[in-house]
Amino acid sequence: MPKIGTIIVVTLWCAAFCPRPAAALGFSPPKPKFSYTDASGKKQSAEVVDKFYPKKIVQPFAKVDPKIDPKLRRAATIAEERAHAHSLSKCWHFVKEALVAAGVVKSRPQTTLAKQAGQELVNNYGFKKLPVSDPYQAPVGSVLVYDAKREAGHVEIRTENGFVSDFRSKTPSRRPLIGVFAKT
C-alpha cells in the first residue's frame, strides 16, 4: 500500500508543478519570415513555405468506343506490357509488333518512318482516320501519328490512362498530330 500512495502523490505533484507545453496553453510557434527589400527600396517580408503541395494534372481517362475493333484494345494492352520507362527511339517498331501480336493486322507494316504509319494503315490494313484532333479524346486502342519536319515522326497507341509506344507516358507527344486512326 505505501508504494501506491507514493505513486499517487508523485503523480499529483508532477501534474501541478511541471510546466505544460506551449501548444497546450494555446500558443503557437512563430512562423519564420523572409525579409527583403523590393525594387522601390521598401522593406518587405513573406512567410517561408515549408511544405509543397503540387497541383495534380488531371486528364480524363480515355473512353472505350464500342465501334472500334476490340483487337485494338488488346494491342494497347500488349504495347503497354512491352513498353519501357524511357524512349528507345523505336516507337513505330513497337507499335507494329503490338498490332501484329493482337491480330489487328495480318502482316507487319513495311514503312520505316513513323509519320508514314497512318497512310499505310489506311491504304493496306483497313484503318480509317477518325475526326479527332485532341489526343486526349482519342478512343482506347486508336493509333496516333505525329509529324516531324526533318525526323521520323512519332506513333503511339491510346491506353485507358495514357499513351504507349516503346515507352509509357501520361501525356501525348508534343509534335503536331497528323491523325488518329482506328479499325471499325
N, C-alpha and C. Protein backbone atom coordinates (compact mmCIF):
# COMPACT_ATOMS: atom_id res chain seq x y z
N MET A 1 0.80 -1.20 0.00
CA MET A 1 0.00 0.00 0.00
C MET A 1 0.84 1.27 0.00
N PRO A 2 1.96 1.28 0.74
CA PRO A 2 2.72 2.53 0.74
C PRO A 2 3.24 2.87 -0.66
N LYS A 3 3.51 1.89 -1.53
CA LYS A 3 4.00 2.18 -2.87
C LYS A 3 2.95 2.89 -3.69
N ILE A 4 1.69 2.46 -3.59
CA ILE A 4 0.61 3.08 -4.36
C ILE A 4 0.41 4.51 -3.92
N GLY A 5 0.45 4.77 -2.63
CA GLY A 5 0.29 6.13 -2.11
C GLY A 5 1.39 7.04 -2.60
N THR A 6 2.63 6.54 -2.62
CA THR A 6 3.75 7.33 -3.10
C THR A 6 3.60 7.66 -4.58
N ILE A 7 3.16 6.70 -5.36
CA ILE A 7 2.95 6.92 -6.79
C ILE A 7 1.89 7.98 -7.03
N ILE A 8 0.81 7.94 -6.27
CA ILE A 8 -0.27 8.91 -6.42
C ILE A 8 0.22 10.31 -6.07
N VAL A 9 0.97 10.45 -4.98
CA VAL A 9 1.47 11.75 -4.54
C VAL A 9 2.44 12.32 -5.59
N VAL A 10 3.35 11.49 -6.10
CA VAL A 10 4.31 11.96 -7.10
C VAL A 10 3.58 12.38 -8.37
N THR A 11 2.59 11.63 -8.79
CA THR A 11 1.83 11.95 -10.00
C THR A 11 1.10 13.28 -9.83
N LEU A 12 0.43 13.49 -8.71
CA LEU A 12 -0.28 14.74 -8.47
C LEU A 12 0.69 15.92 -8.41
N TRP A 13 1.86 15.73 -7.78
CA TRP A 13 2.85 16.81 -7.68
C TRP A 13 3.35 17.20 -9.08
N CYS A 14 3.63 16.17 -9.93
CA CYS A 14 4.11 16.43 -11.29
C CYS A 14 3.05 17.16 -12.11
N ALA A 15 1.79 16.77 -11.96
CA ALA A 15 0.71 17.40 -12.71
C ALA A 15 0.53 18.85 -12.29
N ALA A 16 0.77 19.15 -11.01
CA ALA A 16 0.56 20.51 -10.51
C ALA A 16 1.73 21.45 -10.80
N PHE A 17 2.94 20.94 -10.70
CA PHE A 17 4.10 21.83 -10.76
C PHE A 17 4.97 21.72 -12.01
N CYS A 18 4.74 20.75 -12.87
CA CYS A 18 5.56 20.63 -14.08
C CYS A 18 5.03 21.58 -15.15
N PRO A 19 5.91 22.23 -15.92
CA PRO A 19 5.43 23.14 -16.96
C PRO A 19 4.75 22.38 -18.10
N ARG A 20 3.73 23.00 -18.61
CA ARG A 20 2.99 22.39 -19.72
C ARG A 20 3.58 22.87 -21.04
N PRO A 21 3.41 22.09 -22.14
CA PRO A 21 3.91 22.55 -23.45
C PRO A 21 3.16 23.79 -23.91
N ALA A 22 3.83 24.61 -24.71
CA ALA A 22 3.23 25.86 -25.19
C ALA A 22 1.98 25.60 -26.02
N ALA A 23 1.97 24.52 -26.78
CA ALA A 23 0.81 24.21 -27.62
C ALA A 23 -0.43 23.95 -26.78
N ALA A 24 -0.27 23.31 -25.61
CA ALA A 24 -1.40 23.02 -24.75
C ALA A 24 -1.98 24.29 -24.14
N LEU A 25 -1.15 25.33 -24.02
CA LEU A 25 -1.62 26.58 -23.44
C LEU A 25 -2.23 27.51 -24.49
N GLY A 26 -2.24 27.08 -25.75
CA GLY A 26 -2.85 27.89 -26.80
C GLY A 26 -1.84 28.74 -27.56
N PHE A 27 -0.56 28.60 -27.28
CA PHE A 27 0.47 29.34 -28.02
C PHE A 27 0.90 28.53 -29.22
N SER A 28 1.23 29.21 -30.30
CA SER A 28 1.79 28.52 -31.47
C SER A 28 3.14 29.14 -31.76
N PRO A 29 4.06 28.35 -32.27
CA PRO A 29 5.39 28.89 -32.54
C PRO A 29 5.30 29.91 -33.67
N PRO A 30 6.15 30.93 -33.64
CA PRO A 30 6.09 31.95 -34.70
C PRO A 30 6.50 31.35 -36.04
N LYS A 31 5.83 31.82 -37.11
CA LYS A 31 6.16 31.34 -38.45
C LYS A 31 7.36 32.11 -38.95
N PRO A 32 8.34 31.42 -39.50
CA PRO A 32 9.52 32.14 -39.99
C PRO A 32 9.18 33.02 -41.18
N LYS A 33 9.81 34.17 -41.23
CA LYS A 33 9.56 35.13 -42.31
C LYS A 33 10.88 35.42 -43.03
N PHE A 34 10.75 35.66 -44.31
CA PHE A 34 11.88 36.05 -45.14
C PHE A 34 11.76 37.54 -45.40
N SER A 35 12.77 38.30 -45.05
CA SER A 35 12.74 39.75 -45.24
C SER A 35 13.62 40.12 -46.42
N TYR A 36 13.16 41.11 -47.20
CA TYR A 36 13.90 41.56 -48.35
C TYR A 36 13.51 43.01 -48.66
N THR A 37 14.28 43.63 -49.52
CA THR A 37 13.99 44.99 -49.97
C THR A 37 13.58 44.91 -51.43
N ASP A 38 12.42 45.45 -51.75
CA ASP A 38 11.93 45.38 -53.13
C ASP A 38 12.61 46.42 -54.01
N ALA A 39 12.23 46.49 -55.27
CA ALA A 39 12.88 47.37 -56.25
C ALA A 39 12.74 48.84 -55.89
N SER A 40 11.68 49.21 -55.18
CA SER A 40 11.48 50.62 -54.82
C SER A 40 12.20 50.99 -53.52
N GLY A 41 12.86 50.02 -52.88
CA GLY A 41 13.60 50.27 -51.65
C GLY A 41 12.80 50.04 -50.39
N LYS A 42 11.58 49.57 -50.52
CA LYS A 42 10.71 49.33 -49.37
C LYS A 42 10.99 47.94 -48.80
N LYS A 43 11.04 47.85 -47.47
CA LYS A 43 11.27 46.55 -46.84
C LYS A 43 9.99 45.73 -46.88
N GLN A 44 10.15 44.47 -47.29
CA GLN A 44 9.01 43.54 -47.41
C GLN A 44 9.37 42.26 -46.66
N SER A 45 8.34 41.46 -46.37
CA SER A 45 8.58 40.14 -45.79
C SER A 45 7.51 39.18 -46.28
N ALA A 46 7.89 37.91 -46.29
CA ALA A 46 6.95 36.87 -46.74
C ALA A 46 7.18 35.64 -45.88
N GLU A 47 6.10 34.88 -45.66
CA GLU A 47 6.24 33.65 -44.88
C GLU A 47 7.05 32.64 -45.65
N VAL A 48 7.84 31.87 -44.94
CA VAL A 48 8.65 30.82 -45.55
C VAL A 48 7.77 29.60 -45.76
N VAL A 49 7.79 29.06 -46.97
CA VAL A 49 6.99 27.89 -47.31
C VAL A 49 7.79 26.66 -46.89
N ASP A 50 7.21 25.85 -46.01
CA ASP A 50 7.93 24.65 -45.55
C ASP A 50 7.34 23.36 -46.08
N LYS A 51 6.21 23.45 -46.76
CA LYS A 51 5.62 22.26 -47.37
C LYS A 51 5.19 22.61 -48.78
N PHE A 52 5.31 21.65 -49.69
CA PHE A 52 4.95 21.86 -51.09
C PHE A 52 3.82 20.93 -51.45
N TYR A 53 2.74 21.47 -51.97
CA TYR A 53 1.60 20.69 -52.41
C TYR A 53 1.42 20.91 -53.90
N PRO A 54 1.94 20.01 -54.74
CA PRO A 54 1.84 20.23 -56.18
C PRO A 54 0.40 20.11 -56.66
N LYS A 55 0.09 20.88 -57.69
CA LYS A 55 -1.23 20.74 -58.32
C LYS A 55 -1.21 19.45 -59.13
N LYS A 56 -2.24 18.69 -58.99
CA LYS A 56 -2.33 17.46 -59.77
C LYS A 56 -2.89 17.78 -61.14
N ILE A 57 -2.21 17.28 -62.16
CA ILE A 57 -2.71 17.45 -63.51
C ILE A 57 -3.67 16.30 -63.76
N VAL A 58 -4.91 16.64 -63.94
CA VAL A 58 -5.93 15.62 -64.10
C VAL A 58 -6.44 15.66 -65.53
N GLN A 59 -6.18 14.61 -66.26
CA GLN A 59 -6.69 14.47 -67.61
C GLN A 59 -7.73 13.36 -67.60
N PRO A 60 -8.73 13.48 -68.43
CA PRO A 60 -9.77 12.46 -68.42
C PRO A 60 -9.24 11.11 -68.91
N PHE A 61 -9.80 10.05 -68.34
CA PHE A 61 -9.46 8.73 -68.82
C PHE A 61 -10.02 8.57 -70.23
N ALA A 62 -9.39 7.73 -71.01
CA ALA A 62 -9.85 7.50 -72.38
C ALA A 62 -11.15 6.71 -72.35
N LYS A 63 -11.97 6.97 -73.34
CA LYS A 63 -13.24 6.26 -73.44
C LYS A 63 -13.09 5.07 -74.38
N VAL A 64 -13.83 4.03 -74.08
CA VAL A 64 -13.86 2.85 -74.93
C VAL A 64 -15.00 3.02 -75.91
N ASP A 65 -14.67 3.07 -77.17
CA ASP A 65 -15.67 3.23 -78.23
C ASP A 65 -16.07 1.84 -78.70
N PRO A 66 -17.35 1.45 -78.55
CA PRO A 66 -17.76 0.10 -78.95
C PRO A 66 -17.65 -0.15 -80.47
N LYS A 67 -17.57 0.92 -81.27
CA LYS A 67 -17.45 0.75 -82.72
C LYS A 67 -16.03 0.36 -83.14
N ILE A 68 -15.05 0.64 -82.28
CA ILE A 68 -13.65 0.33 -82.58
C ILE A 68 -13.41 -1.17 -82.37
N ASP A 69 -12.60 -1.76 -83.24
CA ASP A 69 -12.25 -3.18 -83.16
C ASP A 69 -11.65 -3.50 -81.78
N PRO A 70 -12.20 -4.49 -81.05
CA PRO A 70 -11.67 -4.84 -79.72
C PRO A 70 -10.22 -5.32 -79.75
N LYS A 71 -9.76 -5.77 -80.91
CA LYS A 71 -8.37 -6.20 -81.02
C LYS A 71 -7.41 -5.01 -80.82
N LEU A 72 -7.88 -3.81 -81.13
CA LEU A 72 -7.05 -2.62 -80.91
C LEU A 72 -6.83 -2.37 -79.41
N ARG A 73 -7.86 -2.64 -78.60
CA ARG A 73 -7.68 -2.52 -77.14
C ARG A 73 -6.66 -3.54 -76.66
N ARG A 74 -6.70 -4.74 -77.25
CA ARG A 74 -5.72 -5.77 -76.91
C ARG A 74 -4.32 -5.32 -77.34
N ALA A 75 -4.20 -4.68 -78.48
CA ALA A 75 -2.90 -4.16 -78.94
C ALA A 75 -2.37 -3.12 -77.97
N ALA A 76 -3.26 -2.28 -77.43
CA ALA A 76 -2.84 -1.28 -76.45
C ALA A 76 -2.30 -1.95 -75.19
N THR A 77 -2.96 -3.02 -74.76
CA THR A 77 -2.50 -3.76 -73.58
C THR A 77 -1.16 -4.42 -73.84
N ILE A 78 -1.00 -5.02 -75.00
CA ILE A 78 0.27 -5.67 -75.35
C ILE A 78 1.40 -4.64 -75.40
N ALA A 79 1.13 -3.51 -76.04
CA ALA A 79 2.16 -2.46 -76.14
C ALA A 79 2.53 -1.95 -74.75
N GLU A 80 1.54 -1.82 -73.87
CA GLU A 80 1.81 -1.34 -72.52
C GLU A 80 2.66 -2.34 -71.73
N GLU A 81 2.40 -3.62 -71.93
CA GLU A 81 3.19 -4.65 -71.24
C GLU A 81 4.63 -4.67 -71.72
N ARG A 82 4.86 -4.38 -72.98
CA ARG A 82 6.20 -4.46 -73.56
C ARG A 82 6.98 -3.15 -73.48
N ALA A 83 6.31 -2.07 -73.13
CA ALA A 83 6.94 -0.74 -73.14
C ALA A 83 7.96 -0.57 -72.02
N HIS A 84 8.87 0.35 -72.26
CA HIS A 84 9.91 0.68 -71.30
C HIS A 84 9.55 1.99 -70.60
N ALA A 85 10.35 2.36 -69.61
CA ALA A 85 10.09 3.61 -68.90
C ALA A 85 10.50 4.82 -69.73
N HIS A 86 11.52 4.66 -70.57
CA HIS A 86 12.01 5.77 -71.38
C HIS A 86 12.09 5.34 -72.85
N SER A 87 12.11 6.32 -73.72
CA SER A 87 12.12 6.05 -75.15
C SER A 87 13.40 5.36 -75.61
N LEU A 88 13.22 4.44 -76.56
CA LEU A 88 14.34 3.79 -77.23
C LEU A 88 14.44 4.26 -78.67
N SER A 89 13.61 5.22 -79.03
CA SER A 89 13.51 5.74 -80.41
C SER A 89 13.09 4.65 -81.39
N LYS A 90 12.21 3.75 -80.95
CA LYS A 90 11.70 2.67 -81.79
C LYS A 90 10.18 2.59 -81.66
N CYS A 91 9.52 3.75 -81.66
CA CYS A 91 8.07 3.77 -81.44
C CYS A 91 7.30 2.99 -82.49
N TRP A 92 7.58 3.20 -83.79
CA TRP A 92 6.84 2.52 -84.85
C TRP A 92 7.12 1.03 -84.82
N HIS A 93 8.32 0.63 -84.48
CA HIS A 93 8.66 -0.79 -84.38
C HIS A 93 7.80 -1.47 -83.29
N PHE A 94 7.70 -0.84 -82.11
CA PHE A 94 6.94 -1.42 -81.01
C PHE A 94 5.44 -1.43 -81.31
N VAL A 95 4.92 -0.38 -81.95
CA VAL A 95 3.50 -0.33 -82.30
C VAL A 95 3.18 -1.39 -83.35
N LYS A 96 4.05 -1.56 -84.34
CA LYS A 96 3.86 -2.62 -85.36
C LYS A 96 3.76 -3.98 -84.69
N GLU A 97 4.70 -4.26 -83.78
CA GLU A 97 4.73 -5.56 -83.09
C GLU A 97 3.45 -5.79 -82.27
N ALA A 98 2.96 -4.75 -81.62
CA ALA A 98 1.72 -4.88 -80.83
C ALA A 98 0.52 -5.13 -81.73
N LEU A 99 0.45 -4.44 -82.88
CA LEU A 99 -0.66 -4.64 -83.82
C LEU A 99 -0.66 -6.05 -84.39
N VAL A 100 0.52 -6.58 -84.71
CA VAL A 100 0.63 -7.95 -85.24
C VAL A 100 0.28 -8.96 -84.15
N ALA A 101 0.80 -8.76 -82.93
CA ALA A 101 0.56 -9.71 -81.83
C ALA A 101 -0.92 -9.77 -81.45
N ALA A 102 -1.63 -8.66 -81.56
CA ALA A 102 -3.06 -8.64 -81.21
C ALA A 102 -3.94 -9.14 -82.35
N GLY A 103 -3.36 -9.34 -83.54
CA GLY A 103 -4.14 -9.81 -84.68
C GLY A 103 -4.89 -8.71 -85.40
N VAL A 104 -4.54 -7.46 -85.17
CA VAL A 104 -5.19 -6.35 -85.83
C VAL A 104 -4.80 -6.31 -87.30
N VAL A 105 -3.52 -6.58 -87.57
CA VAL A 105 -3.02 -6.64 -88.95
C VAL A 105 -2.45 -8.03 -89.18
N LYS A 106 -2.58 -8.53 -90.39
CA LYS A 106 -2.12 -9.89 -90.70
C LYS A 106 -0.61 -9.96 -90.93
N SER A 107 -0.05 -8.90 -91.52
CA SER A 107 1.39 -8.87 -91.78
C SER A 107 1.97 -7.59 -91.20
N ARG A 108 3.26 -7.61 -91.00
CA ARG A 108 3.95 -6.47 -90.40
C ARG A 108 4.01 -5.31 -91.41
N PRO A 109 3.58 -4.09 -91.01
CA PRO A 109 3.68 -2.94 -91.92
C PRO A 109 5.13 -2.71 -92.36
N GLN A 110 5.29 -2.20 -93.59
CA GLN A 110 6.61 -2.10 -94.20
C GLN A 110 7.25 -0.72 -94.13
N THR A 111 6.50 0.33 -93.86
CA THR A 111 7.10 1.67 -93.84
C THR A 111 8.12 1.77 -92.71
N THR A 112 9.12 2.60 -92.92
CA THR A 112 10.17 2.76 -91.90
C THR A 112 9.95 3.99 -91.03
N LEU A 113 9.37 5.04 -91.57
CA LEU A 113 9.16 6.26 -90.81
C LEU A 113 7.81 6.25 -90.09
N ALA A 114 7.82 6.70 -88.86
CA ALA A 114 6.60 6.70 -88.05
C ALA A 114 5.53 7.62 -88.64
N LYS A 115 5.95 8.75 -89.23
CA LYS A 115 4.97 9.68 -89.77
C LYS A 115 4.25 9.14 -91.01
N GLN A 116 4.73 8.03 -91.60
CA GLN A 116 4.07 7.38 -92.73
C GLN A 116 3.10 6.29 -92.28
N ALA A 117 3.03 6.03 -90.99
CA ALA A 117 2.22 4.93 -90.47
C ALA A 117 0.74 5.08 -90.79
N GLY A 118 0.20 6.27 -90.61
CA GLY A 118 -1.23 6.47 -90.83
C GLY A 118 -1.65 6.16 -92.25
N GLN A 119 -0.87 6.64 -93.21
CA GLN A 119 -1.20 6.39 -94.62
C GLN A 119 -1.15 4.90 -94.94
N GLU A 120 -0.15 4.20 -94.43
CA GLU A 120 -0.05 2.76 -94.70
C GLU A 120 -1.18 1.99 -94.03
N LEU A 121 -1.54 2.36 -92.81
CA LEU A 121 -2.63 1.67 -92.12
C LEU A 121 -3.96 1.86 -92.86
N VAL A 122 -4.19 3.04 -93.42
CA VAL A 122 -5.41 3.30 -94.18
C VAL A 122 -5.39 2.55 -95.51
N ASN A 123 -4.28 2.62 -96.23
CA ASN A 123 -4.20 2.02 -97.57
C ASN A 123 -4.18 0.49 -97.56
N ASN A 124 -3.49 -0.12 -96.61
CA ASN A 124 -3.26 -1.56 -96.66
C ASN A 124 -3.96 -2.39 -95.60
N TYR A 125 -4.45 -1.77 -94.52
CA TYR A 125 -4.95 -2.58 -93.41
C TYR A 125 -6.36 -2.24 -92.95
N GLY A 126 -7.07 -1.42 -93.68
CA GLY A 126 -8.49 -1.15 -93.37
C GLY A 126 -8.72 -0.17 -92.24
N PHE A 127 -7.75 0.62 -91.87
CA PHE A 127 -7.94 1.63 -90.84
C PHE A 127 -8.63 2.85 -91.45
N LYS A 128 -9.26 3.65 -90.59
CA LYS A 128 -9.88 4.90 -91.02
C LYS A 128 -9.37 6.02 -90.13
N LYS A 129 -9.27 7.19 -90.72
CA LYS A 129 -8.87 8.36 -89.94
C LYS A 129 -10.10 8.87 -89.18
N LEU A 130 -9.98 9.00 -87.87
CA LEU A 130 -11.10 9.45 -87.04
C LEU A 130 -11.13 10.97 -86.98
N PRO A 131 -12.32 11.56 -86.83
CA PRO A 131 -12.41 13.02 -86.75
C PRO A 131 -12.06 13.54 -85.36
N VAL A 132 -10.84 13.25 -84.92
CA VAL A 132 -10.38 13.65 -83.58
C VAL A 132 -9.11 14.48 -83.75
N SER A 133 -9.08 15.66 -83.12
CA SER A 133 -7.89 16.50 -83.20
C SER A 133 -7.18 16.64 -81.86
N ASP A 134 -7.83 16.19 -80.77
CA ASP A 134 -7.23 16.23 -79.43
C ASP A 134 -6.83 14.82 -79.03
N PRO A 135 -5.54 14.56 -78.78
CA PRO A 135 -5.12 13.20 -78.41
C PRO A 135 -5.83 12.64 -77.18
N TYR A 136 -6.22 13.51 -76.25
CA TYR A 136 -6.92 13.04 -75.05
C TYR A 136 -8.32 12.51 -75.37
N GLN A 137 -8.89 12.92 -76.50
CA GLN A 137 -10.22 12.48 -76.90
C GLN A 137 -10.19 11.21 -77.75
N ALA A 138 -9.00 10.72 -78.06
CA ALA A 138 -8.87 9.51 -78.88
C ALA A 138 -9.36 8.30 -78.09
N PRO A 139 -10.10 7.39 -78.72
CA PRO A 139 -10.58 6.20 -78.00
C PRO A 139 -9.44 5.21 -77.72
N VAL A 140 -9.67 4.36 -76.74
CA VAL A 140 -8.67 3.36 -76.36
C VAL A 140 -8.38 2.45 -77.55
N GLY A 141 -7.11 2.25 -77.83
CA GLY A 141 -6.69 1.38 -78.91
C GLY A 141 -6.40 2.10 -80.21
N SER A 142 -6.77 3.35 -80.30
CA SER A 142 -6.51 4.07 -81.55
C SER A 142 -5.02 4.39 -81.68
N VAL A 143 -4.59 4.49 -82.93
CA VAL A 143 -3.19 4.76 -83.24
C VAL A 143 -3.06 6.24 -83.58
N LEU A 144 -2.19 6.94 -82.84
CA LEU A 144 -1.97 8.37 -83.06
C LEU A 144 -0.65 8.55 -83.79
N VAL A 145 -0.68 9.30 -84.88
CA VAL A 145 0.50 9.51 -85.71
C VAL A 145 0.85 11.00 -85.68
N TYR A 146 2.14 11.28 -85.43
CA TYR A 146 2.63 12.65 -85.30
C TYR A 146 3.67 12.95 -86.37
N ASP A 147 3.72 14.19 -86.79
CA ASP A 147 4.67 14.63 -87.81
C ASP A 147 5.92 15.19 -87.16
N ALA A 148 6.97 15.29 -87.94
CA ALA A 148 8.21 15.96 -87.55
C ALA A 148 8.86 16.45 -88.83
N LYS A 149 9.41 17.64 -88.82
CA LYS A 149 9.93 18.24 -90.06
C LYS A 149 11.04 17.41 -90.69
N ARG A 150 12.14 17.24 -89.99
CA ARG A 150 13.26 16.50 -90.57
C ARG A 150 13.56 15.23 -89.81
N GLU A 151 12.56 14.69 -89.15
CA GLU A 151 12.74 13.48 -88.35
C GLU A 151 11.71 12.43 -88.77
N ALA A 152 11.77 11.29 -88.12
CA ALA A 152 10.89 10.17 -88.46
C ALA A 152 9.46 10.36 -88.01
N GLY A 153 9.21 11.26 -87.06
CA GLY A 153 7.87 11.42 -86.52
C GLY A 153 7.70 10.56 -85.27
N HIS A 154 6.44 10.32 -84.91
CA HIS A 154 6.16 9.51 -83.72
C HIS A 154 4.81 8.84 -83.89
N VAL A 155 4.71 7.62 -83.34
CA VAL A 155 3.46 6.86 -83.33
C VAL A 155 3.24 6.35 -81.93
N GLU A 156 1.99 6.38 -81.47
CA GLU A 156 1.66 5.81 -80.16
C GLU A 156 0.23 5.30 -80.17
N ILE A 157 -0.06 4.44 -79.21
CA ILE A 157 -1.41 3.88 -79.07
C ILE A 157 -2.02 4.45 -77.80
N ARG A 158 -3.30 4.84 -77.87
CA ARG A 158 -4.00 5.38 -76.71
C ARG A 158 -4.39 4.24 -75.79
N THR A 159 -4.06 4.38 -74.51
CA THR A 159 -4.47 3.41 -73.49
C THR A 159 -5.49 4.07 -72.58
N GLU A 160 -6.01 3.32 -71.62
CA GLU A 160 -7.03 3.88 -70.74
C GLU A 160 -6.53 5.08 -69.93
N ASN A 161 -5.27 5.05 -69.55
CA ASN A 161 -4.77 6.14 -68.71
C ASN A 161 -3.52 6.82 -69.27
N GLY A 162 -3.30 6.73 -70.57
CA GLY A 162 -2.14 7.40 -71.14
C GLY A 162 -1.90 7.02 -72.59
N PHE A 163 -0.62 7.00 -72.94
CA PHE A 163 -0.19 6.73 -74.30
C PHE A 163 1.02 5.81 -74.24
N VAL A 164 1.15 4.92 -75.24
CA VAL A 164 2.24 3.96 -75.21
C VAL A 164 2.77 3.72 -76.61
N SER A 165 4.07 3.59 -76.71
CA SER A 165 4.75 3.18 -77.95
C SER A 165 5.88 2.26 -77.50
N ASP A 166 7.12 2.72 -77.57
CA ASP A 166 8.21 1.95 -76.98
C ASP A 166 8.40 2.34 -75.52
N PHE A 167 7.65 3.34 -75.06
CA PHE A 167 7.65 3.78 -73.66
C PHE A 167 6.25 4.22 -73.26
N ARG A 168 5.99 4.27 -71.96
CA ARG A 168 4.70 4.69 -71.43
C ARG A 168 4.75 6.18 -71.09
N SER A 169 3.62 6.86 -71.28
CA SER A 169 3.54 8.27 -70.94
C SER A 169 2.10 8.63 -70.56
N LYS A 170 1.95 9.53 -69.62
CA LYS A 170 0.63 10.02 -69.23
C LYS A 170 0.17 11.13 -70.18
N THR A 171 1.12 11.73 -70.88
CA THR A 171 0.79 12.83 -71.79
C THR A 171 1.14 12.45 -73.23
N PRO A 172 0.43 13.01 -74.20
CA PRO A 172 0.73 12.70 -75.60
C PRO A 172 1.98 13.43 -76.07
N SER A 173 2.43 13.08 -77.24
CA SER A 173 3.60 13.72 -77.83
C SER A 173 3.31 15.20 -78.09
N ARG A 174 4.35 16.02 -78.04
CA ARG A 174 4.18 17.45 -78.30
C ARG A 174 4.30 17.77 -79.79
N ARG A 175 4.58 16.79 -80.61
CA ARG A 175 4.71 17.01 -82.05
C ARG A 175 3.32 17.30 -82.65
N PRO A 176 3.26 17.87 -83.85
CA PRO A 176 1.96 18.11 -84.48
C PRO A 176 1.27 16.79 -84.86
N LEU A 177 0.03 16.67 -84.50
CA LEU A 177 -0.75 15.45 -84.74
C LEU A 177 -1.18 15.40 -86.21
N ILE A 178 -0.81 14.30 -86.89
CA ILE A 178 -1.25 14.08 -88.26
C ILE A 178 -2.68 13.55 -88.25
N GLY A 179 -2.91 12.56 -87.38
CA GLY A 179 -4.24 11.99 -87.31
C GLY A 179 -4.35 10.87 -86.30
N VAL A 180 -5.60 10.51 -86.02
CA VAL A 180 -5.93 9.40 -85.13
C VAL A 180 -6.59 8.34 -85.99
N PHE A 181 -6.05 7.12 -85.96
CA PHE A 181 -6.50 6.06 -86.85
C PHE A 181 -6.99 4.86 -86.05
N ALA A 182 -8.07 4.23 -86.56
CA ALA A 182 -8.61 3.05 -85.91
C ALA A 182 -9.34 2.19 -86.93
N LYS A 183 -9.54 0.95 -86.54
CA LYS A 183 -10.26 -0.01 -87.38
C LYS A 183 -11.63 -0.20 -86.76
N THR A 184 -12.68 -0.20 -87.60
CA THR A 184 -14.03 -0.37 -87.07
C THR A 184 -14.54 -1.77 -87.35
